[in-house]
Full PDB file with SEQRES, HELIX, SHEET, SSBOND, CRYST1, ORIGX, SCALE, CONECT and MASTER records, all heavy atoms in Angstrom:
SEQRES   1 A   35  VAL PHE VAL GLY ALA ASP LEU SER ASP ASP GLU VAL ARG          
SEQRES   2 A   35  GLN MET LEU SER ASP ILE GLY ASP LEU ASP PRO ASN VAL          
SEQRES   3 A   35  PRO ILE VAL MET LEU GLN GLY ALA ALA                          
HELIX    1 AA1 ASP A    9  LEU A   22  1                                  14    
SHEET    1 AA1 2 PHE A   2  VAL A   3  0                                        
SHEET    2 AA1 2 VAL A  29  MET A  30  1                                        
CRYST1    1.000    1.000    1.000  90.00  90.00  90.00 P 1           1          
ORIGX1      1.000000  0.000000  0.000000        0.00000                         
ORIGX2      0.000000  1.000000  0.000000        0.00000                         
ORIGX3      0.000000  0.000000  1.000000        0.00000                         
SCALE1      1.000000  0.000000  0.000000        0.00000                         
SCALE2      0.000000  1.000000  0.000000        0.00000                         
SCALE3      0.000000  0.000000  1.000000        0.00000                         
ATOM      1  N   VAL A   1       0.854  -1.193  -0.002  1.00  0.00           N  
ATOM      2  CA  VAL A   1      -0.007   0.003  -0.001  1.00  0.00           C  
ATOM      3  C   VAL A   1       0.891   1.235  -0.002  1.00  0.00           C  
ATOM      4  O   VAL A   1       1.814   1.331   0.813  1.00  0.00           O  
ATOM      5  CB  VAL A   1      -0.929   0.042   1.232  1.00  0.00           C  
ATOM      6  CG1 VAL A   1      -1.779   1.308   1.234  1.00  0.00           C  
ATOM      7  CG2 VAL A   1      -1.815  -1.206   1.291  1.00  0.00           C  
ATOM      8  N   PHE A   2       0.610   2.157  -0.921  1.00  0.00           N  
ATOM      9  CA  PHE A   2       1.266   3.463  -0.941  1.00  0.00           C  
ATOM     10  C   PHE A   2       0.249   4.461  -0.423  1.00  0.00           C  
ATOM     11  O   PHE A   2      -0.839   4.585  -0.979  1.00  0.00           O  
ATOM     12  CB  PHE A   2       1.697   3.829  -2.359  1.00  0.00           C  
ATOM     13  CG  PHE A   2       2.860   3.032  -2.855  1.00  0.00           C  
ATOM     14  CD1 PHE A   2       2.698   1.732  -3.305  1.00  0.00           C  
ATOM     15  CD2 PHE A   2       4.137   3.582  -2.848  1.00  0.00           C  
ATOM     16  CE1 PHE A   2       3.777   0.991  -3.762  1.00  0.00           C  
ATOM     17  CE2 PHE A   2       5.218   2.844  -3.297  1.00  0.00           C  
ATOM     18  CZ  PHE A   2       5.031   1.547  -3.754  1.00  0.00           C  
ATOM     19  N   VAL A   3       0.593   5.183   0.627  1.00  0.00           N  
ATOM     20  CA  VAL A   3      -0.329   6.138   1.262  1.00  0.00           C  
ATOM     21  C   VAL A   3       0.127   7.543   0.919  1.00  0.00           C  
ATOM     22  O   VAL A   3       1.253   7.939   1.243  1.00  0.00           O  
ATOM     23  CB  VAL A   3      -0.363   5.932   2.798  1.00  0.00           C  
ATOM     24  CG1 VAL A   3      -1.289   6.950   3.436  1.00  0.00           C  
ATOM     25  CG2 VAL A   3      -0.801   4.511   3.133  1.00  0.00           C  
ATOM     26  N   GLY A   4      -0.749   8.290   0.259  1.00  0.00           N  
ATOM     27  CA  GLY A   4      -0.434   9.640  -0.198  1.00  0.00           C  
ATOM     28  C   GLY A   4      -0.256  10.624   0.939  1.00  0.00           C  
ATOM     29  O   GLY A   4      -0.797  10.465   2.033  1.00  0.00           O  
ATOM     30  N   ALA A   5       0.483  11.679   0.644  1.00  0.00           N  
ATOM     31  CA  ALA A   5       0.785  12.716   1.632  1.00  0.00           C  
ATOM     32  C   ALA A   5      -0.415  13.583   1.960  1.00  0.00           C  
ATOM     33  O   ALA A   5      -0.406  14.305   2.954  1.00  0.00           O  
ATOM     34  CB  ALA A   5       1.918  13.608   1.118  1.00  0.00           C  
ATOM     35  N   ASP A   6      -1.474  13.504   1.128  1.00  0.00           N  
ATOM     36  CA  ASP A   6      -2.612  14.391   1.383  1.00  0.00           C  
ATOM     37  C   ASP A   6      -3.661  13.791   2.340  1.00  0.00           C  
ATOM     38  O   ASP A   6      -4.693  14.397   2.569  1.00  0.00           O  
ATOM     39  CB  ASP A   6      -3.269  14.805   0.053  1.00  0.00           C  
ATOM     40  CG  ASP A   6      -3.911  13.660  -0.700  1.00  0.00           C  
ATOM     41  OD1 ASP A   6      -3.732  12.495  -0.298  1.00  0.00           O  
ATOM     42  OD2 ASP A   6      -4.592  13.924  -1.700  1.00  0.00           O  
ATOM     43  N   LEU A   7      -3.393  12.650   2.925  1.00  0.00           N  
ATOM     44  CA  LEU A   7      -4.312  12.087   3.911  1.00  0.00           C  
ATOM     45  C   LEU A   7      -4.072  12.742   5.262  1.00  0.00           C  
ATOM     46  O   LEU A   7      -2.929  13.052   5.634  1.00  0.00           O  
ATOM     47  CB  LEU A   7      -4.107  10.572   4.049  1.00  0.00           C  
ATOM     48  CG  LEU A   7      -4.878   9.695   3.076  1.00  0.00           C  
ATOM     49  CD1 LEU A   7      -4.417   9.902   1.657  1.00  0.00           C  
ATOM     50  CD2 LEU A   7      -4.769   8.249   3.479  1.00  0.00           C  
ATOM     51  N   SER A   8      -5.136  12.926   6.001  1.00  0.00           N  
ATOM     52  CA  SER A   8      -5.020  13.492   7.347  1.00  0.00           C  
ATOM     53  C   SER A   8      -4.432  12.464   8.291  1.00  0.00           C  
ATOM     54  O   SER A   8      -4.426  11.247   8.002  1.00  0.00           O  
ATOM     55  CB  SER A   8      -6.394  13.945   7.861  1.00  0.00           C  
ATOM     56  OG  SER A   8      -7.184  12.805   8.166  1.00  0.00           O  
ATOM     57  N   ASP A   9      -3.942  12.913   9.434  1.00  0.00           N  
ATOM     58  CA  ASP A   9      -3.390  12.000  10.433  1.00  0.00           C  
ATOM     59  C   ASP A   9      -4.427  10.964  10.872  1.00  0.00           C  
ATOM     60  O   ASP A   9      -4.099   9.793  11.044  1.00  0.00           O  
ATOM     61  CB  ASP A   9      -2.869  12.758  11.653  1.00  0.00           C  
ATOM     62  CG  ASP A   9      -1.608  13.541  11.367  1.00  0.00           C  
ATOM     63  OD1 ASP A   9      -0.952  13.265  10.328  1.00  0.00           O  
ATOM     64  OD2 ASP A   9      -1.260  14.430  12.168  1.00  0.00           O  
ATOM     65  N   ASP A  10      -5.679  11.413  11.053  1.00  0.00           N  
ATOM     66  CA  ASP A  10      -6.735  10.489  11.460  1.00  0.00           C  
ATOM     67  C   ASP A  10      -6.995   9.436  10.383  1.00  0.00           C  
ATOM     68  O   ASP A  10      -7.197   8.257  10.697  1.00  0.00           O  
ATOM     69  CB  ASP A  10      -8.034  11.242  11.758  1.00  0.00           C  
ATOM     70  CG  ASP A  10      -7.948  12.032  13.053  1.00  0.00           C  
ATOM     71  OD1 ASP A  10      -7.085  11.720  13.905  1.00  0.00           O  
ATOM     72  OD2 ASP A  10      -8.752  12.969  13.218  1.00  0.00           O  
ATOM     73  N   GLU A  11      -7.000   9.843   9.114  1.00  0.00           N  
ATOM     74  CA  GLU A  11      -7.205   8.887   8.029  1.00  0.00           C  
ATOM     75  C   GLU A  11      -6.074   7.865   7.975  1.00  0.00           C  
ATOM     76  O   GLU A  11      -6.313   6.673   7.793  1.00  0.00           O  
ATOM     77  CB  GLU A  11      -7.305   9.615   6.676  1.00  0.00           C  
ATOM     78  CG  GLU A  11      -8.575  10.421   6.519  1.00  0.00           C  
ATOM     79  CD  GLU A  11      -8.576  11.299   5.289  1.00  0.00           C  
ATOM     80  OE1 GLU A  11      -7.493  11.837   4.923  1.00  0.00           O  
ATOM     81  OE2 GLU A  11      -9.660  11.477   4.695  1.00  0.00           O  
ATOM     82  N   VAL A  12      -4.846   8.334   8.153  1.00  0.00           N  
ATOM     83  CA  VAL A  12      -3.696   7.423   8.126  1.00  0.00           C  
ATOM     84  C   VAL A  12      -3.786   6.429   9.282  1.00  0.00           C  
ATOM     85  O   VAL A  12      -3.611   5.211   9.095  1.00  0.00           O  
ATOM     86  CB  VAL A  12      -2.367   8.204   8.176  1.00  0.00           C  
ATOM     87  CG1 VAL A  12      -1.191   7.269   8.386  1.00  0.00           C  
ATOM     88  CG2 VAL A  12      -2.183   9.006   6.894  1.00  0.00           C  
ATOM     89  N   ARG A  13      -4.054   6.928  10.493  1.00  0.00           N  
ATOM     90  CA  ARG A  13      -4.158   6.034  11.654  1.00  0.00           C  
ATOM     91  C   ARG A  13      -5.236   4.976  11.440  1.00  0.00           C  
ATOM     92  O   ARG A  13      -5.022   3.791  11.736  1.00  0.00           O  
ATOM     93  CB  ARG A  13      -4.446   6.841  12.922  1.00  0.00           C  
ATOM     94  CG  ARG A  13      -3.214   7.374  13.592  1.00  0.00           C  
ATOM     95  CD  ARG A  13      -3.515   7.882  14.986  1.00  0.00           C  
ATOM     96  NE  ARG A  13      -4.260   9.138  14.978  1.00  0.00           N  
ATOM     97  CZ  ARG A  13      -3.707  10.341  14.804  1.00  0.00           C  
ATOM     98  NH1 ARG A  13      -2.415  10.445  14.634  1.00  0.00           N  
ATOM     99  NH2 ARG A  13      -4.441  11.424  14.815  1.00  0.00           N  
ATOM    100  N   GLN A  14      -6.394   5.391  10.941  1.00  0.00           N  
ATOM    101  CA  GLN A  14      -7.485   4.438  10.724  1.00  0.00           C  
ATOM    102  C   GLN A  14      -7.111   3.408   9.669  1.00  0.00           C  
ATOM    103  O   GLN A  14      -7.351   2.210   9.839  1.00  0.00           O  
ATOM    104  CB  GLN A  14      -8.778   5.174  10.317  1.00  0.00           C  
ATOM    105  CG  GLN A  14      -9.978   4.261  10.191  1.00  0.00           C  
ATOM    106  CD  GLN A  14     -10.323   3.591  11.513  1.00  0.00           C  
ATOM    107  OE1 GLN A  14     -10.493   4.250  12.531  1.00  0.00           O  
ATOM    108  NE2 GLN A  14     -10.415   2.269  11.497  1.00  0.00           N  
ATOM    109  N   MET A  15      -6.509   3.865   8.562  1.00  0.00           N  
ATOM    110  CA  MET A  15      -6.097   2.930   7.508  1.00  0.00           C  
ATOM    111  C   MET A  15      -5.071   1.931   8.021  1.00  0.00           C  
ATOM    112  O   MET A  15      -5.168   0.734   7.751  1.00  0.00           O  
ATOM    113  CB  MET A  15      -5.491   3.694   6.323  1.00  0.00           C  
ATOM    114  CG  MET A  15      -6.500   4.172   5.332  1.00  0.00           C  
ATOM    115  SD  MET A  15      -5.677   4.632   3.805  1.00  0.00           S  
ATOM    116  CE  MET A  15      -5.054   3.062   3.267  1.00  0.00           C  
ATOM    117  N   LEU A  16      -4.070   2.409   8.743  1.00  0.00           N  
ATOM    118  CA  LEU A  16      -3.036   1.513   9.259  1.00  0.00           C  
ATOM    119  C   LEU A  16      -3.638   0.472  10.206  1.00  0.00           C  
ATOM    120  O   LEU A  16      -3.263  -0.698  10.166  1.00  0.00           O  
ATOM    121  CB  LEU A  16      -1.924   2.301   9.967  1.00  0.00           C  
ATOM    122  CG  LEU A  16      -1.090   3.222   9.074  1.00  0.00           C  
ATOM    123  CD1 LEU A  16      -0.043   3.948   9.902  1.00  0.00           C  
ATOM    124  CD2 LEU A  16      -0.464   2.463   7.921  1.00  0.00           C  
ATOM    125  N   SER A  17      -4.583   0.893  11.002  1.00  0.00           N  
ATOM    126  CA  SER A  17      -5.248  -0.042  11.905  1.00  0.00           C  
ATOM    127  C   SER A  17      -6.055  -1.072  11.105  1.00  0.00           C  
ATOM    128  O   SER A  17      -5.966  -2.280  11.385  1.00  0.00           O  
ATOM    129  CB  SER A  17      -6.176   0.739  12.837  1.00  0.00           C  
ATOM    130  OG  SER A  17      -6.942  -0.143  13.625  1.00  0.00           O  
ATOM    131  N   ASP A  18      -6.803  -0.611  10.121  1.00  0.00           N  
ATOM    132  CA  ASP A  18      -7.622  -1.526   9.312  1.00  0.00           C  
ATOM    133  C   ASP A  18      -6.756  -2.482   8.505  1.00  0.00           C  
ATOM    134  O   ASP A  18      -7.065  -3.677   8.397  1.00  0.00           O  
ATOM    135  CB  ASP A  18      -8.541  -0.737   8.382  1.00  0.00           C  
ATOM    136  CG  ASP A  18      -9.621   0.037   9.132  1.00  0.00           C  
ATOM    137  OD1 ASP A  18      -9.851  -0.257  10.325  1.00  0.00           O  
ATOM    138  OD2 ASP A  18     -10.215   0.942   8.517  1.00  0.00           O  
ATOM    139  N   ILE A  19      -5.677  -1.980   7.913  1.00  0.00           N  
ATOM    140  CA  ILE A  19      -4.783  -2.835   7.145  1.00  0.00           C  
ATOM    141  C   ILE A  19      -4.116  -3.855   8.064  1.00  0.00           C  
ATOM    142  O   ILE A  19      -3.986  -5.025   7.722  1.00  0.00           O  
ATOM    143  CB  ILE A  19      -3.734  -1.996   6.380  1.00  0.00           C  
ATOM    144  CG1 ILE A  19      -4.434  -1.200   5.267  1.00  0.00           C  
ATOM    145  CG2 ILE A  19      -2.636  -2.889   5.807  1.00  0.00           C  
ATOM    146  CD1 ILE A  19      -3.554  -0.152   4.626  1.00  0.00           C  
ATOM    147  N   GLY A  20      -3.727  -3.416   9.248  1.00  0.00           N  
ATOM    148  CA  GLY A  20      -3.124  -4.326  10.227  1.00  0.00           C  
ATOM    149  C   GLY A  20      -4.080  -5.437  10.624  1.00  0.00           C  
ATOM    150  O   GLY A  20      -3.649  -6.578  10.847  1.00  0.00           O  
ATOM    151  N   ASP A  21      -5.373  -5.135  10.678  1.00  0.00           N  
ATOM    152  CA  ASP A  21      -6.366  -6.166  10.976  1.00  0.00           C  
ATOM    153  C   ASP A  21      -6.487  -7.171   9.842  1.00  0.00           C  
ATOM    154  O   ASP A  21      -6.709  -8.363  10.072  1.00  0.00           O  
ATOM    155  CB  ASP A  21      -7.742  -5.538  11.249  1.00  0.00           C  
ATOM    156  CG  ASP A  21      -7.787  -4.765  12.553  1.00  0.00           C  
ATOM    157  OD1 ASP A  21      -6.892  -4.953  13.412  1.00  0.00           O  
ATOM    158  OD2 ASP A  21      -8.719  -3.945  12.709  1.00  0.00           O  
ATOM    159  N   LEU A  22      -6.333  -6.698   8.582  1.00  0.00           N  
ATOM    160  CA  LEU A  22      -6.408  -7.595   7.425  1.00  0.00           C  
ATOM    161  C   LEU A  22      -5.171  -8.469   7.320  1.00  0.00           C  
ATOM    162  O   LEU A  22      -5.244  -9.668   7.118  1.00  0.00           O  
ATOM    163  CB  LEU A  22      -6.541  -6.792   6.122  1.00  0.00           C  
ATOM    164  CG  LEU A  22      -7.854  -6.112   5.840  1.00  0.00           C  
ATOM    165  CD1 LEU A  22      -7.743  -5.265   4.579  1.00  0.00           C  
ATOM    166  CD2 LEU A  22      -8.955  -7.144   5.670  1.00  0.00           C  
ATOM    167  N   ASP A  23      -4.010  -7.832   7.403  1.00  0.00           N  
ATOM    168  CA  ASP A  23      -2.732  -8.541   7.269  1.00  0.00           C  
ATOM    169  C   ASP A  23      -1.636  -7.650   7.839  1.00  0.00           C  
ATOM    170  O   ASP A  23      -1.247  -6.658   7.211  1.00  0.00           O  
ATOM    171  CB  ASP A  23      -2.444  -8.858   5.802  1.00  0.00           C  
ATOM    172  CG  ASP A  23      -1.139  -9.624   5.608  1.00  0.00           C  
ATOM    173  OD1 ASP A  23      -0.358  -9.777   6.568  1.00  0.00           O  
ATOM    174  OD2 ASP A  23      -0.899 -10.063   4.464  1.00  0.00           O  
ATOM    175  N   PRO A  24      -1.120  -7.971   9.001  1.00  0.00           N  
ATOM    176  CA  PRO A  24      -0.101  -7.109   9.630  1.00  0.00           C  
ATOM    177  C   PRO A  24       1.233  -7.094   8.894  1.00  0.00           C  
ATOM    178  O   PRO A  24       2.109  -6.312   9.220  1.00  0.00           O  
ATOM    179  CB  PRO A  24       0.051  -7.698  11.023  1.00  0.00           C  
ATOM    180  CG  PRO A  24      -0.411  -9.111  10.900  1.00  0.00           C  
ATOM    181  CD  PRO A  24      -1.451  -9.126   9.828  1.00  0.00           C  
ATOM    182  N   ASN A  25       1.389  -7.920   7.862  1.00  0.00           N  
ATOM    183  CA  ASN A  25       2.660  -7.998   7.135  1.00  0.00           C  
ATOM    184  C   ASN A  25       2.653  -7.257   5.805  1.00  0.00           C  
ATOM    185  O   ASN A  25       3.614  -7.343   5.051  1.00  0.00           O  
ATOM    186  CB  ASN A  25       3.019  -9.467   6.891  1.00  0.00           C  
ATOM    187  CG  ASN A  25       3.216 -10.211   8.190  1.00  0.00           C  
ATOM    188  OD1 ASN A  25       3.915  -9.739   9.067  1.00  0.00           O  
ATOM    189  ND2 ASN A  25       2.556 -11.342   8.322  1.00  0.00           N  
ATOM    190  N   VAL A  26       1.587  -6.521   5.503  1.00  0.00           N  
ATOM    191  CA  VAL A  26       1.523  -5.780   4.255  1.00  0.00           C  
ATOM    192  C   VAL A  26       2.522  -4.624   4.297  1.00  0.00           C  
ATOM    193  O   VAL A  26       2.477  -3.802   5.217  1.00  0.00           O  
ATOM    194  CB  VAL A  26       0.102  -5.219   4.014  1.00  0.00           C  
ATOM    195  CG1 VAL A  26       0.082  -4.289   2.807  1.00  0.00           C  
ATOM    196  CG2 VAL A  26      -0.893  -6.341   3.830  1.00  0.00           C  
ATOM    197  N   PRO A  27       3.416  -4.525   3.314  1.00  0.00           N  
ATOM    198  CA  PRO A  27       4.331  -3.376   3.264  1.00  0.00           C  
ATOM    199  C   PRO A  27       3.544  -2.097   2.999  1.00  0.00           C  
ATOM    200  O   PRO A  27       2.686  -2.052   2.113  1.00  0.00           O  
ATOM    201  CB  PRO A  27       5.260  -3.695   2.087  1.00  0.00           C  
ATOM    202  CG  PRO A  27       5.091  -5.148   1.821  1.00  0.00           C  
ATOM    203  CD  PRO A  27       3.705  -5.499   2.269  1.00  0.00           C  
ATOM    204  N   ILE A  28       3.843  -1.055   3.755  1.00  0.00           N  
ATOM    205  CA  ILE A  28       3.160   0.227   3.611  1.00  0.00           C  
ATOM    206  C   ILE A  28       4.219   1.298   3.377  1.00  0.00           C  
ATOM    207  O   ILE A  28       5.171   1.416   4.141  1.00  0.00           O  
ATOM    208  CB  ILE A  28       2.328   0.572   4.859  1.00  0.00           C  
ATOM    209  CG1 ILE A  28       1.242  -0.494   5.042  1.00  0.00           C  
ATOM    210  CG2 ILE A  28       1.717   1.967   4.742  1.00  0.00           C  
ATOM    211  CD1 ILE A  28       0.449  -0.359   6.326  1.00  0.00           C  
ATOM    212  N   VAL A  29       4.039   2.075   2.310  1.00  0.00           N  
ATOM    213  CA  VAL A  29       4.956   3.147   1.962  1.00  0.00           C  
ATOM    214  C   VAL A  29       4.222   4.468   2.198  1.00  0.00           C  
ATOM    215  O   VAL A  29       3.174   4.720   1.580  1.00  0.00           O  
ATOM    216  CB  VAL A  29       5.408   3.066   0.497  1.00  0.00           C  
ATOM    217  CG1 VAL A  29       6.316   4.229   0.141  1.00  0.00           C  
ATOM    218  CG2 VAL A  29       6.078   1.720   0.231  1.00  0.00           C  
ATOM    219  N   MET A  30       4.745   5.289   3.100  1.00  0.00           N  
ATOM    220  CA  MET A  30       4.164   6.589   3.386  1.00  0.00           C  
ATOM    221  C   MET A  30       4.846   7.629   2.537  1.00  0.00           C  
ATOM    222  O   MET A  30       6.053   7.835   2.651  1.00  0.00           O  
ATOM    223  CB  MET A  30       4.334   6.920   4.881  1.00  0.00           C  
ATOM    224  CG  MET A  30       3.765   5.892   5.833  1.00  0.00           C  
ATOM    225  SD  MET A  30       1.980   5.728   5.734  1.00  0.00           S  
ATOM    226  CE  MET A  30       1.465   7.329   6.278  1.00  0.00           C  
ATOM    227  N   LEU A  31       4.087   8.289   1.650  1.00  0.00           N  
ATOM    228  CA  LEU A  31       4.632   9.313   0.792  1.00  0.00           C  
ATOM    229  C   LEU A  31       4.567  10.657   1.490  1.00  0.00           C  
ATOM    230  O   LEU A  31       3.656  10.918   2.271  1.00  0.00           O  
ATOM    231  CB  LEU A  31       3.855   9.368  -0.515  1.00  0.00           C  
ATOM    232  CG  LEU A  31       3.818   8.060  -1.297  1.00  0.00           C  
ATOM    233  CD1 LEU A  31       2.889   8.179  -2.483  1.00  0.00           C  
ATOM    234  CD2 LEU A  31       5.212   7.672  -1.736  1.00  0.00           C  
ATOM    235  N   GLN A  32       5.559  11.511   1.219  1.00  0.00           N  
ATOM    236  CA  GLN A  32       5.579  12.823   1.847  1.00  0.00           C  
ATOM    237  C   GLN A  32       5.773  13.905   0.782  1.00  0.00           C  
ATOM    238  O   GLN A  32       6.519  13.704  -0.178  1.00  0.00           O  
ATOM    239  CB  GLN A  32       6.741  12.914   2.836  1.00  0.00           C  
ATOM    240  CG  GLN A  32       6.592  11.992   4.002  1.00  0.00           C  
ATOM    241  CD  GLN A  32       7.733  12.154   4.980  1.00  0.00           C  
ATOM    242  OE1 GLN A  32       8.635  12.968   4.795  1.00  0.00           O  
ATOM    243  NE2 GLN A  32       7.707  11.376   6.041  1.00  0.00           N  
ATOM    244  N   GLY A  33       5.138  15.023   1.009  1.00  0.00           N  
ATOM    245  CA  GLY A  33       5.333  16.217   0.211  1.00  0.00           C  
ATOM    246  C   GLY A  33       5.506  15.990  -1.265  1.00  0.00           C  
ATOM    247  O   GLY A  33       4.675  15.401  -1.915  1.00  0.00           O  
ATOM    248  N   ALA A  34       6.610  16.448  -1.820  1.00  0.00           N  
ATOM    249  CA  ALA A  34       6.860  16.413  -3.255  1.00  0.00           C  
ATOM    250  C   ALA A  34       6.911  14.996  -3.807  1.00  0.00           C  
ATOM    251  O   ALA A  34       6.667  14.774  -4.977  1.00  0.00           O  
ATOM    252  CB  ALA A  34       8.156  17.136  -3.588  1.00  0.00           C  
ATOM    253  N   ALA A  35       7.204  14.000  -2.983  1.00  0.00           N  
ATOM    254  CA  ALA A  35       7.273  12.616  -3.463  1.00  0.00           C  
ATOM    255  C   ALA A  35       5.916  12.121  -3.919  1.00  0.00           C  
ATOM    256  O   ALA A  35       5.804  11.235  -4.716  1.00  0.00           O  
ATOM    257  CB  ALA A  35       7.805  11.705  -2.366  1.00  0.00           C  
TER     258      ALA A  35                                                      
MASTER        0    0    0    1    2    0    0    6  257    1    0    3          
END                                                                             
């Protein structure tokens, strides 16, 4: 999962929690700013 920089902190926390419930081993890439 690639998570865009435009998500709010609450959206990111909720997504990470939900993804962890599905499969705690899924690689997650957090994108920042210009990236």
